[in-house]
Protein backbone atom coordinates (compact mmCIF):
# COMPACT_ATOMS: atom_id res chain seq x y z
CA UNK A 1 -265.60 -27.06 -24.57
CA UNK A 2 -263.86 -29.63 -26.80
CA UNK A 3 -260.26 -30.63 -25.99
CA UNK A 4 -257.78 -32.22 -28.41
CA UNK A 5 -254.24 -33.32 -27.57
CA UNK A 6 -251.57 -34.41 -30.03
CA UNK A 7 -247.91 -35.38 -29.85
CA UNK A 8 -245.68 -35.42 -32.94
CA UNK A 9 -242.25 -36.86 -33.61
CA UNK A 10 -240.13 -34.60 -35.83
CA UNK A 11 -238.81 -36.91 -38.54
CA UNK A 12 -236.83 -34.51 -40.77
CA UNK A 13 -235.25 -31.10 -40.00
CA UNK A 14 -237.83 -28.37 -39.45
CA UNK A 15 -236.90 -25.05 -41.08
CA UNK A 16 -239.03 -22.72 -39.01
CA UNK A 17 -238.14 -19.40 -37.39
CA UNK A 18 -238.71 -15.74 -36.80
CA UNK A 19 -236.81 -12.59 -37.66
CA UNK A 20 -233.16 -12.62 -38.76
CA UNK A 21 -233.31 -16.35 -39.61
CA UNK A 22 -233.39 -17.31 -35.93
CA UNK A 23 -234.57 -20.93 -35.72
CA UNK A 24 -237.49 -21.40 -33.34
CA UNK A 25 -240.78 -23.23 -33.13
CA UNK A 26 -243.64 -20.78 -33.66
CA UNK A 27 -247.15 -21.78 -32.62
CA UNK A 28 -248.63 -19.29 -35.10
CA UNK A 29 -247.03 -21.24 -37.95
CA UNK A 30 -248.62 -24.43 -36.66
CA UNK A 31 -252.06 -22.79 -36.48
CA UNK A 32 -251.73 -21.58 -40.09
CA UNK A 33 -250.99 -25.14 -41.23
CA UNK A 34 -253.93 -26.54 -39.25
CA UNK A 35 -256.13 -24.04 -41.07
CA UNK A 36 -254.71 -25.14 -44.44
CA UNK A 37 -255.51 -28.79 -43.77
CA UNK A 38 -258.96 -27.79 -42.45
CA UNK A 39 -259.67 -26.10 -45.78
CA UNK A 40 -258.26 -29.14 -47.59
CA UNK A 41 -261.01 -31.25 -46.01
CA UNK A 42 -263.78 -28.65 -45.85
CA UNK A 43 -264.66 -28.39 -49.54
CA UNK A 44 -265.71 -32.04 -49.71
CA UNK A 45 -267.37 -32.07 -46.29
CA UNK A 46 -269.41 -28.89 -46.63
CA UNK A 47 -270.03 -29.35 -50.39
CA UNK A 48 -269.59 -25.63 -51.02
CA UNK A 49 -266.75 -23.14 -50.71
CA UNK A 50 -269.21 -20.52 -49.37
CA UNK A 51 -270.47 -22.79 -46.60
CA UNK A 52 -266.92 -23.85 -45.71
CA UNK A 53 -265.82 -20.19 -45.59
CA UNK A 54 -268.60 -19.34 -43.11
CA UNK A 55 -267.71 -22.09 -40.67
CA UNK A 56 -264.00 -21.40 -41.06
CA UNK A 57 -264.64 -17.75 -40.15
CA UNK A 58 -266.62 -18.79 -37.05
CA UNK A 59 -264.00 -21.30 -35.99
CA UNK A 60 -260.73 -19.53 -36.79
CA UNK A 61 -261.94 -15.94 -36.53
CA UNK A 62 -262.56 -13.08 -38.93
CA UNK A 63 -262.10 -9.35 -38.49
CA UNK A 64 -265.77 -8.54 -39.13
CA UNK A 65 -268.13 -8.81 -36.17
CA UNK A 66 -269.87 -10.92 -35.01
CA UNK A 67 -267.34 -13.51 -36.20
CA UNK A 68 -264.64 -11.86 -34.10
CA UNK A 69 -261.94 -13.86 -32.36
CA UNK A 70 -261.31 -17.50 -33.13
CA UNK A 71 -263.20 -20.11 -31.16
CA UNK A 72 -260.36 -22.61 -31.27
CA UNK A 73 -257.19 -21.91 -29.31
CA UNK A 74 -253.92 -23.80 -29.46
CA UNK A 75 -251.19 -24.19 -26.85
CA UNK A 76 -247.69 -25.63 -27.03
CA UNK A 77 -247.61 -27.97 -24.03
CA UNK A 78 -244.22 -29.64 -24.57
CA UNK A 79 -241.13 -29.69 -26.77
CA UNK A 80 -238.04 -31.94 -26.76
CA UNK A 81 -235.24 -29.55 -27.71
CA UNK A 82 -232.96 -31.89 -29.62
CA UNK A 83 -232.45 -32.35 -33.34
CA UNK A 84 -234.49 -35.12 -34.98
CA UNK A 85 -233.40 -38.65 -34.20
CA UNK A 86 -230.64 -39.92 -36.49
CA UNK A 87 -229.61 -36.52 -37.86
CA UNK A 88 -226.81 -35.68 -35.44
CA UNK A 89 -226.01 -32.11 -34.42
CA UNK A 90 -227.02 -29.82 -37.30
CA UNK A 91 -224.98 -26.78 -36.26
CA UNK A 92 -222.94 -26.53 -39.47
CA UNK A 93 -224.40 -24.14 -42.05
CA UNK A 94 -223.57 -26.73 -44.75
CA UNK A 95 -225.47 -29.51 -42.96
CA UNK A 96 -227.42 -30.44 -46.12
CA UNK A 97 -224.94 -29.59 -48.89
CA UNK A 98 -223.07 -32.88 -48.89
CA UNK A 99 -226.26 -34.86 -49.51
CA UNK A 100 -227.19 -34.50 -53.17
CA UNK A 101 -230.87 -35.43 -52.86
CA UNK A 102 -231.48 -33.39 -49.69
CA UNK A 103 -229.74 -30.41 -51.26
CA UNK A 104 -231.95 -30.76 -54.35
CA UNK A 105 -235.09 -30.71 -52.19
CA UNK A 106 -234.01 -27.40 -50.63
CA UNK A 107 -234.08 -25.75 -54.09
CA UNK A 108 -231.14 -23.73 -52.76
CA UNK A 109 -233.54 -22.23 -50.25
CA UNK A 110 -231.55 -22.53 -47.01
CA UNK A 111 -228.96 -19.81 -47.31
CA UNK A 112 -227.57 -17.15 -44.99
CA UNK A 113 -226.71 -19.68 -42.32
CA UNK A 114 -230.24 -20.96 -41.70
CA UNK A 115 -230.32 -23.93 -39.33
CA UNK A 116 -233.15 -26.30 -38.40
CA UNK A 117 -235.18 -25.93 -35.22
CA UNK A 118 -233.88 -27.99 -32.31
CA UNK A 119 -237.00 -30.07 -31.85
CA UNK A 120 -237.34 -33.85 -31.72
CA UNK A 121 -240.96 -33.93 -30.60
CA UNK A 122 -243.72 -31.42 -29.86
CA UNK A 123 -246.97 -31.60 -27.92
CA UNK A 124 -249.91 -29.35 -28.70
CA UNK A 125 -253.41 -29.01 -27.26
CA UNK A 126 -256.48 -27.35 -28.75
CA UNK A 127 -259.60 -26.04 -27.01
CA UNK A 128 -262.78 -25.34 -29.02
CA UNK A 129 -265.43 -23.15 -27.42
CA UNK A 130 -269.07 -24.13 -27.56
CA UNK A 131 -271.30 -22.49 -30.16
CA UNK A 132 -274.46 -20.78 -28.93
CA UNK A 133 -276.57 -20.66 -32.06
CA UNK A 134 -279.35 -18.36 -30.85
CA UNK A 135 -276.91 -15.76 -29.53
CA UNK A 136 -275.07 -15.81 -32.85
CA UNK A 137 -278.30 -15.39 -34.81
CA UNK A 138 -279.13 -12.34 -32.74
CA UNK A 139 -275.63 -10.93 -33.18
CA UNK A 140 -275.75 -11.47 -36.94
CA UNK A 141 -279.12 -9.73 -37.13
CA UNK A 142 -277.68 -6.67 -35.35
CA UNK A 143 -274.42 -6.56 -37.29
CA UNK A 144 -275.82 -7.03 -40.78
CA UNK A 145 -278.96 -4.89 -40.73
CA UNK A 146 -279.27 -4.75 -44.49
CA UNK A 147 -277.78 -7.88 -45.99
CA UNK A 148 -275.41 -10.64 -44.91
CA UNK A 149 -272.22 -11.32 -46.86
CA UNK A 150 -272.92 -13.83 -49.62
CA UNK A 151 -271.00 -16.63 -47.92
CA UNK A 152 -272.94 -16.14 -44.65
CA UNK A 153 -276.52 -16.17 -45.91
CA UNK A 154 -278.68 -18.80 -44.30
CA UNK A 155 -275.83 -20.67 -42.66
CA UNK A 156 -277.15 -20.45 -39.09
CA UNK A 157 -280.58 -21.65 -40.29
CA UNK A 158 -279.26 -24.70 -42.15
CA UNK A 159 -278.39 -27.46 -39.65
CA UNK A 160 -276.02 -25.29 -37.59
CA UNK A 161 -275.39 -27.93 -34.89
CA UNK A 162 -274.51 -30.58 -37.47
CA UNK A 163 -272.23 -28.18 -39.33
CA UNK A 164 -270.53 -27.05 -36.12
CA UNK A 165 -269.88 -30.67 -35.24
CA UNK A 166 -268.51 -31.19 -38.76
CA UNK A 167 -266.23 -28.19 -38.27
CA UNK A 168 -265.00 -29.66 -34.94
CA UNK A 169 -264.27 -33.00 -36.56
CA UNK A 170 -262.29 -31.31 -39.33
CA UNK A 171 -260.03 -29.71 -36.68
CA UNK A 172 -259.32 -33.15 -35.23
CA UNK A 173 -258.54 -34.51 -38.68
CA UNK A 174 -256.45 -31.50 -39.70
CA UNK A 175 -254.26 -31.91 -36.61
CA UNK A 176 -253.90 -35.59 -37.50
CA UNK A 177 -253.09 -35.01 -41.19
CA UNK A 178 -250.28 -32.56 -40.37
CA UNK A 179 -248.60 -35.56 -38.76
CA UNK A 180 -249.67 -38.12 -41.37
CA UNK A 181 -249.15 -36.35 -44.70
CA UNK A 182 -247.60 -32.96 -43.98
CA UNK A 183 -245.14 -31.00 -41.91
CA UNK A 184 -244.07 -27.55 -40.75
CA UNK A 185 -241.72 -24.86 -41.98
CA UNK A 186 -239.98 -23.91 -45.20
CA UNK A 187 -240.00 -26.57 -47.95
CA UNK A 188 -242.45 -28.74 -45.98
CA UNK A 189 -244.02 -29.83 -49.30
CA UNK A 190 -240.63 -31.30 -50.15
CA UNK A 191 -240.39 -33.29 -46.94
CA UNK A 192 -238.67 -30.89 -44.56
CA UNK A 193 -240.28 -30.67 -41.13
CA UNK A 194 -242.17 -33.94 -41.61
CA UNK A 195 -244.13 -34.79 -38.46
CA UNK A 196 -245.36 -38.23 -37.38
CA UNK A 197 -248.31 -38.51 -34.99
CA UNK A 198 -247.19 -40.38 -31.87
CA UNK A 199 -250.52 -39.94 -30.08
CA UNK A 200 -253.81 -38.17 -30.71
CA UNK A 201 -256.62 -37.83 -28.16
CA UNK A 202 -260.04 -36.28 -28.66
CA UNK A 203 -263.58 -36.66 -27.23
CA UNK A 204 -265.25 -40.00 -27.78
CA UNK A 205 -268.19 -38.30 -29.52
CA UNK A 206 -265.89 -37.61 -32.50
CA UNK A 207 -264.60 -41.16 -32.72
CA UNK A 208 -266.67 -44.08 -33.92
CA UNK A 209 -269.63 -42.01 -35.15
CA UNK A 210 -267.49 -40.43 -37.88
CA UNK A 211 -265.18 -43.39 -38.48
CA UNK A 212 -262.06 -41.83 -36.94
CA UNK A 213 -260.19 -43.31 -34.02
CA UNK A 214 -257.68 -41.89 -31.54
CA UNK A 215 -254.06 -42.65 -32.41
CA UNK A 216 -252.29 -44.29 -29.44
CA UNK A 217 -248.83 -44.77 -31.01
CA UNK A 218 -246.81 -44.73 -34.20
CA UNK A 219 -248.17 -47.15 -36.83
CA UNK A 220 -246.76 -50.67 -36.73
CA UNK A 221 -246.77 -51.18 -40.50
CA UNK A 222 -247.59 -49.51 -43.81
CA UNK A 223 -251.05 -51.07 -43.63
CA UNK A 224 -251.56 -49.61 -40.15
CA UNK A 225 -250.39 -46.20 -41.38
CA UNK A 226 -252.75 -46.39 -44.37
CA UNK A 227 -255.70 -47.07 -42.06
CA UNK A 228 -254.86 -43.97 -40.01
CA UNK A 229 -254.67 -41.80 -43.12
CA UNK A 230 -257.97 -43.06 -44.56
CA UNK A 231 -259.76 -42.66 -41.21
CA UNK A 232 -258.80 -38.98 -40.92
CA UNK A 233 -259.31 -38.12 -44.57
CA UNK A 234 -262.87 -39.37 -44.34
CA UNK A 235 -265.08 -40.37 -47.22
CA UNK A 236 -266.26 -36.93 -48.37
CA UNK A 237 -264.37 -35.74 -51.45
CA UNK A 238 -264.95 -32.92 -53.87
CA UNK A 239 -266.04 -34.22 -57.27
CA UNK A 240 -263.75 -33.21 -60.13
CA UNK A 241 -261.05 -30.55 -60.17
CA UNK A 242 -261.42 -28.28 -57.10
CA UNK A 243 -260.98 -24.52 -57.23
CA UNK A 244 -258.10 -24.77 -54.75
CA UNK A 245 -255.91 -27.53 -53.28
CA UNK A 246 -258.55 -29.70 -51.63
CA UNK A 247 -259.33 -33.38 -51.06
CA UNK A 248 -261.03 -34.55 -54.24
CA UNK A 249 -261.55 -37.64 -56.35
CA UNK A 250 -258.38 -36.61 -58.24
CA UNK A 251 -256.17 -36.77 -55.13
CA UNK A 252 -253.53 -39.52 -55.08
CA UNK A 253 -251.57 -40.74 -52.05
CA UNK A 254 -248.98 -43.53 -52.21
CA UNK A 255 -246.17 -44.96 -50.11
CA UNK A 256 -243.24 -45.33 -52.52
CA UNK A 257 -240.14 -46.32 -50.52
CA UNK A 258 -238.73 -47.12 -47.08
CA UNK A 259 -235.40 -47.20 -45.28
CA UNK A 260 -234.02 -47.68 -41.79
CA UNK A 261 -232.72 -44.10 -41.67
CA UNK A 262 -234.73 -40.93 -42.33
CA UNK A 263 -231.77 -38.97 -43.68
CA UNK A 264 -230.86 -41.71 -46.14
CA UNK A 265 -234.47 -42.04 -47.30
CA UNK A 266 -234.85 -38.29 -47.76
CA UNK A 267 -231.62 -38.10 -49.72
CA UNK A 268 -232.59 -40.99 -51.99
CA UNK A 269 -236.09 -39.61 -52.57
CA UNK A 270 -234.65 -36.23 -53.53
CA UNK A 271 -232.09 -37.85 -55.83
CA UNK A 272 -234.82 -39.90 -57.54
CA UNK A 273 -236.86 -36.74 -58.08
CA UNK A 274 -233.82 -35.02 -59.55
CA UNK A 275 -233.27 -37.92 -61.96
CA UNK A 276 -236.94 -37.78 -62.97
CA UNK A 277 -237.08 -34.04 -63.56
CA UNK A 278 -233.65 -33.01 -64.83
CA UNK A 279 -231.37 -33.66 -67.77
CA UNK A 280 -228.35 -34.11 -65.50
CA UNK A 281 -225.02 -32.29 -65.31
CA UNK A 282 -222.81 -31.97 -68.34
CA UNK A 283 -219.71 -34.17 -68.37
CA UNK A 284 -216.40 -32.70 -69.45
CA UNK A 285 -215.95 -35.51 -71.97
CA UNK A 286 -219.49 -35.19 -73.31
CA UNK A 287 -222.90 -36.44 -72.26
CA UNK A 288 -224.69 -35.85 -68.97
CA UNK A 289 -224.69 -37.52 -65.56
CA UNK A 290 -226.44 -37.47 -62.21
CA UNK A 291 -224.09 -37.08 -59.23
CA UNK A 292 -225.07 -38.94 -56.06
CA UNK A 293 -223.66 -37.81 -52.73
CA UNK A 294 -224.54 -39.30 -49.36
CA UNK A 295 -222.56 -37.25 -46.87
CA UNK A 296 -219.30 -36.96 -48.82
CA UNK A 297 -217.41 -33.77 -48.01
CA UNK A 298 -215.29 -34.16 -51.15
CA UNK A 299 -217.02 -34.01 -54.51
CA UNK A 300 -214.46 -36.47 -55.86
CA UNK A 301 -215.83 -39.11 -53.50
CA UNK A 302 -219.32 -38.86 -55.01
CA UNK A 303 -220.74 -41.53 -57.27
CA UNK A 304 -222.29 -40.76 -60.62
CA UNK A 305 -224.53 -42.49 -63.12
CA UNK A 306 -225.10 -41.55 -66.75
CA UNK A 307 -228.28 -39.61 -67.41
CA UNK A 308 -231.08 -41.29 -69.31
CA UNK A 309 -230.40 -44.92 -68.46
CA UNK A 310 -232.83 -45.08 -65.52
CA UNK A 311 -235.99 -44.26 -67.47
CA UNK A 312 -237.57 -45.47 -70.69
CA UNK A 313 -237.93 -41.90 -71.95
CA UNK A 314 -237.20 -38.47 -70.59
CA UNK A 315 -240.51 -37.00 -69.41
CA UNK A 316 -239.40 -33.44 -69.99
CA UNK A 317 -237.38 -33.57 -73.21
CA UNK A 318 -239.42 -30.71 -74.67
CA UNK A 319 -238.44 -28.60 -71.66
CA UNK A 320 -234.78 -29.38 -72.26
CA UNK A 321 -235.06 -28.53 -75.96
CA UNK A 322 -236.76 -25.24 -75.02
CA UNK A 323 -233.83 -24.41 -72.72
CA UNK A 324 -231.33 -25.31 -75.46
CA UNK A 325 -233.01 -22.79 -77.75
CA UNK A 326 -232.77 -20.11 -75.06
CA UNK A 327 -229.12 -20.96 -74.61
CA UNK A 328 -228.54 -20.60 -78.35
CA UNK A 329 -229.72 -17.00 -78.14
CA UNK A 330 -227.32 -16.25 -75.26
CA UNK A 331 -224.48 -17.96 -77.14
CA UNK A 332 -225.23 -15.87 -80.23
CA UNK A 333 -225.02 -12.70 -78.14
CA UNK A 334 -221.74 -13.89 -76.65
CA UNK A 335 -220.31 -14.53 -80.13
CA UNK A 336 -221.40 -11.10 -81.31
CA UNK A 337 -219.77 -9.39 -78.34
CA UNK A 338 -216.57 -11.38 -78.82
CA UNK A 339 -216.45 -10.41 -82.50
CA UNK A 340 -216.84 -6.73 -81.57
CA UNK A 341 -213.93 -7.04 -79.12
CA UNK A 342 -211.73 -8.91 -81.61
CA UNK A 343 -212.34 -6.29 -84.30
CA UNK A 344 -211.85 -3.38 -81.85
CA UNK A 345 -215.39 -2.20 -82.58
CA UNK A 346 -216.55 -2.68 -79.00
CA UNK A 347 -218.46 0.15 -77.36
CA UNK A 348 -221.17 0.48 -74.75
CA UNK A 349 -223.63 1.38 -77.48
CA UNK A 350 -222.69 -1.72 -79.50
CA UNK A 351 -222.95 -3.90 -76.40
CA UNK A 352 -226.39 -2.49 -75.60
CA UNK A 353 -227.58 -3.11 -79.16
CA UNK A 354 -226.35 -6.74 -79.05
CA UNK A 355 -228.21 -7.36 -75.80
CA UNK A 356 -231.37 -5.77 -77.14
CA UNK A 357 -231.25 -8.16 -80.10
CA UNK A 358 -230.73 -11.06 -77.68
CA UNK A 359 -233.70 -9.94 -75.58
CA UNK A 360 -235.89 -9.75 -78.67
CA UNK A 361 -234.88 -13.25 -79.75
CA UNK A 362 -235.45 -14.60 -76.22
CA UNK A 363 -238.86 -12.95 -76.10
CA UNK A 364 -239.87 -14.50 -79.40
CA UNK A 365 -238.71 -17.95 -78.23
CA UNK A 366 -240.55 -17.68 -74.92
CA UNK A 367 -243.78 -16.25 -76.29
CA UNK A 368 -244.02 -18.54 -79.31
CA UNK A 369 -244.05 -21.75 -77.25
CA UNK A 370 -245.93 -23.27 -74.35
CA UNK A 371 -244.21 -22.84 -70.98
CA UNK A 372 -242.18 -25.82 -69.76
CA UNK A 373 -244.21 -28.81 -68.57
CA UNK A 374 -242.30 -28.80 -65.30
CA UNK A 375 -244.20 -25.71 -64.16
CA UNK A 376 -246.90 -28.22 -63.10
CA UNK A 377 -244.65 -28.79 -60.04
CA UNK A 378 -245.24 -25.16 -59.04
CA UNK A 379 -244.23 -21.60 -59.89
CA UNK A 380 -242.04 -19.56 -60.07
CA UNK A 381 -239.86 -21.62 -62.38
CA UNK A 382 -236.36 -20.25 -62.80
CA UNK A 383 -233.74 -20.73 -65.51
CA UNK A 384 -230.24 -19.31 -65.38
CA UNK A 385 -229.02 -19.36 -68.98
CA UNK A 386 -225.27 -19.02 -69.39
CA UNK A 387 -223.18 -18.99 -72.56
CA UNK A 388 -221.13 -22.07 -73.45
CA UNK A 389 -217.92 -20.03 -73.43
CA UNK A 390 -216.70 -16.85 -71.80
CA UNK A 391 -216.24 -13.53 -73.54
CA UNK A 392 -212.52 -12.68 -73.65
CA UNK A 393 -211.80 -8.96 -73.41
CA UNK A 394 -208.73 -7.05 -74.67
CA UNK A 395 -207.31 -6.94 -71.15
CA UNK A 396 -207.34 -10.73 -71.00
CA UNK A 397 -210.22 -10.79 -68.54
CA UNK A 398 -213.06 -13.20 -69.19
CA UNK A 399 -216.72 -13.10 -68.25
CA UNK A 400 -219.82 -15.19 -68.87
CA UNK A 401 -222.72 -13.89 -70.89
CA UNK A 402 -225.92 -14.87 -69.08
CA UNK A 403 -229.61 -14.14 -68.63
CA UNK A 404 -232.27 -15.11 -66.10
CA UNK A 405 -235.60 -16.37 -67.41
CA UNK A 406 -238.06 -16.63 -64.52
CA UNK A 407 -241.55 -17.91 -65.27
CA UNK A 408 -244.28 -16.96 -62.80
CA UNK A 409 -247.98 -16.02 -62.73
CA UNK A 410 -248.29 -12.43 -63.88
CA UNK A 411 -250.52 -11.47 -60.93
CA UNK A 412 -249.54 -13.42 -57.80
CA UNK A 413 -245.99 -14.48 -58.70
CA UNK A 414 -246.44 -17.91 -57.13
CA UNK A 415 -248.38 -21.14 -57.47
CA UNK A 416 -247.61 -23.70 -54.78
CA UNK A 417 -246.73 -27.23 -55.82
CA UNK A 418 -249.48 -29.90 -55.91
CA UNK A 419 -246.86 -32.46 -54.79
CA UNK A 420 -246.37 -33.22 -51.09
CA UNK A 421 -243.48 -35.39 -49.90
CA UNK A 422 -243.78 -36.74 -46.37
CA UNK A 423 -241.54 -39.00 -44.30
CA UNK A 424 -243.20 -41.06 -41.57
CA UNK A 425 -241.82 -43.22 -38.78
CA UNK A 426 -243.12 -46.68 -38.00
CA UNK A 427 -242.95 -48.13 -34.48
CA UNK A 428 -240.23 -50.52 -35.70
CA UNK A 429 -237.97 -47.51 -36.37
CA UNK A 430 -238.24 -47.85 -40.13
CA UNK A 431 -239.20 -44.74 -42.12
CA UNK A 432 -241.48 -44.59 -45.17
CA UNK A 433 -241.67 -42.01 -47.98
CA UNK A 434 -245.20 -40.89 -48.89
CA UNK A 435 -246.11 -38.89 -51.99
CA UNK A 436 -249.41 -37.02 -52.23
CA UNK A 437 -250.59 -35.27 -55.38
CA UNK A 438 -253.37 -32.77 -54.71
CA UNK A 439 -254.66 -31.36 -58.01
CA UNK A 440 -256.47 -28.05 -57.96
CA UNK A 441 -257.15 -25.28 -60.42
CA UNK A 442 -253.62 -24.35 -61.45
CA UNK A 443 -254.17 -20.69 -62.37
CA UNK A 444 -257.25 -18.53 -63.00
CA UNK A 445 -258.80 -18.53 -66.45
CA UNK A 446 -256.93 -16.41 -68.98
CA UNK A 447 -253.94 -16.23 -66.64
CA UNK A 448 -250.71 -14.93 -68.05
CA UNK A 449 -247.26 -16.24 -67.39
CA UNK A 450 -244.69 -13.52 -66.84
CA UNK A 451 -241.08 -13.94 -67.89
CA UNK A 452 -238.67 -11.58 -66.18
CA UNK A 453 -237.29 -9.08 -68.62
CA UNK A 454 -239.34 -10.51 -71.48
CA UNK A 455 -242.87 -9.29 -70.78
CA UNK A 456 -245.81 -11.63 -70.22
CA UNK A 457 -247.64 -14.20 -72.32
CA UNK A 458 -250.98 -16.02 -72.03
CA UNK A 459 -251.00 -19.75 -71.43
CA UNK A 460 -251.62 -20.81 -75.02
CA UNK A 461 -252.21 -24.39 -73.92
CA UNK A 462 -252.72 -25.56 -70.34
CA UNK A 463 -253.82 -29.16 -70.84
CA UNK A 464 -250.77 -30.44 -68.96
CA UNK A 465 -251.77 -28.20 -66.05
CA UNK A 466 -255.16 -29.88 -65.73
CA UNK A 467 -254.37 -33.59 -65.68
CA UNK A 468 -251.13 -33.42 -63.62
CA UNK A 469 -249.81 -36.60 -65.21
CA UNK A 470 -246.27 -35.21 -65.17
CA UNK A 471 -246.50 -34.90 -61.39
CA UNK A 472 -248.24 -38.21 -60.65
CA UNK A 473 -245.68 -39.99 -62.85
CA UNK A 474 -243.12 -39.43 -60.10
CA UNK A 475 -244.98 -41.91 -57.88
CA UNK A 476 -244.39 -44.85 -60.20
CA UNK A 477 -240.88 -43.69 -61.04
CA UNK A 478 -239.64 -43.64 -57.44
CA UNK A 479 -241.48 -46.83 -56.49
CA UNK A 480 -240.06 -48.60 -59.56
CA UNK A 481 -236.50 -48.17 -58.29
CA UNK A 482 -234.80 -47.85 -61.68
CA UNK A 483 -233.36 -44.50 -60.58
CA UNK A 484 -230.82 -46.36 -58.38
CA UNK A 485 -228.78 -47.17 -61.45
CA UNK A 486 -226.55 -49.65 -59.60
CA UNK A 487 -225.42 -47.12 -56.96
CA UNK A 488 -223.85 -49.15 -54.17
CA UNK A 489 -224.68 -46.70 -51.37
CA UNK A 490 -228.43 -46.62 -51.97
CA UNK A 491 -230.06 -48.57 -49.15
CA UNK A 492 -233.65 -47.52 -49.85
CA UNK A 493 -236.22 -50.20 -50.64
CA UNK A 494 -238.81 -49.30 -53.29
CA UNK A 495 -242.33 -50.65 -53.29
CA UNK A 496 -245.64 -48.91 -53.92
CA UNK A 497 -248.71 -49.04 -51.71
CA UNK A 498 -251.57 -46.90 -53.02
CA UNK A 499 -253.58 -45.42 -50.15
CA UNK A 500 -255.73 -43.21 -52.38
CA UNK A 501 -255.21 -44.68 -55.86
CA UNK A 502 -255.70 -43.06 -59.23
CA UNK A 503 -259.28 -42.97 -60.48
CA UNK A 504 -260.12 -46.21 -62.22
CA UNK A 505 -256.92 -47.92 -61.04
């Protein structure tokens, strides 16, 4: 029996819960994330997805006998039921709305009164049962009398003890990486629910032999943190672009910024990402701006900086131009409807015909062009297109003409982001922002992108989905610090430390 014990500090609010949006820590959610990080490591360590699948099924369980129940069991052994240090009492449903960068990272996802879990630290233990190879061989022979599943063939005859040890070690490392690069709960890839390993204990046989070491405390410095990350990632990487999000030679991990306060750092990181990805909000007197809020209840107290001045060129100008063309179609429909009203020719049939023409024009615009480059940050990708002016009816009432254009994979509807944002505490109390980019096959070959209401279209060009340069560019942008734009309230320090650098860098 192998025993592992870990204690995590909760650095940022953890959006985790059960039915009816009730906030609570759920051990099942933790186990799911351990399994994700195990798979992240397994492709490079087992050199084959089929081999990794076999040992994952033995370890975490599979419905088909003789795999059966999982051989690793987890237990919540302690929880400090307070909100994360430095965040105050988060009992107000608008706890994140007055922080522009934090609100941006939610992607408007925390609605209906959702509140974070009251947890400042958690302790978890894991027990891994021993593997009896000969008994398993006999059980497999009885269960699969004709032929084993493809992923199971020969696995128990190919160094089973070494592979079982490798599977054990990956559990240790997965539990570590949750608290070094990841987190728990909704929007954890955007930094919510970031966990920092305070201590990690495991049998000595898994220590020096594989290069990993127990973690006795929070890291003292960025260099100390980097050593912990490298030790638990290990040296085995998948070569080239993996078939799923896995540790490969294309993975990049960098520390980009630090601050004395986790909430401030999270807000500034989110604001920097917003500046990088968006065109900004339209000013009443023309032009666009980025509005920075750091706890202001009144929007008039917020600071703003003009859009475009913080970067040499806008990375996603083509995306903006694409949106402008969509908006032109909605505006044209609005003008047509207004003309019908003004000339007293308005009818439901005329309105329907105008909208059908708009839908045809939108469809042509969407299908004739590549999807926006920003979809490399994940799908679905949503646009709410609203007319520049309202339609004024005979009664004096006004309404907006609008349309939703939602881009998503035609089959699954979702592709998770390759970008992970993590916030980690140092023993000094300072907090660092860590960005990880984990490239993987973006969508299956010949995948189609569906646009709500407009049918579906093949990806006519997916080169920007293979090299991920639009995602990795965020690392240098945040670390460069130009996004601050002279904002007086920004206390975040920007400096880059590459833990897993870009190939050839």
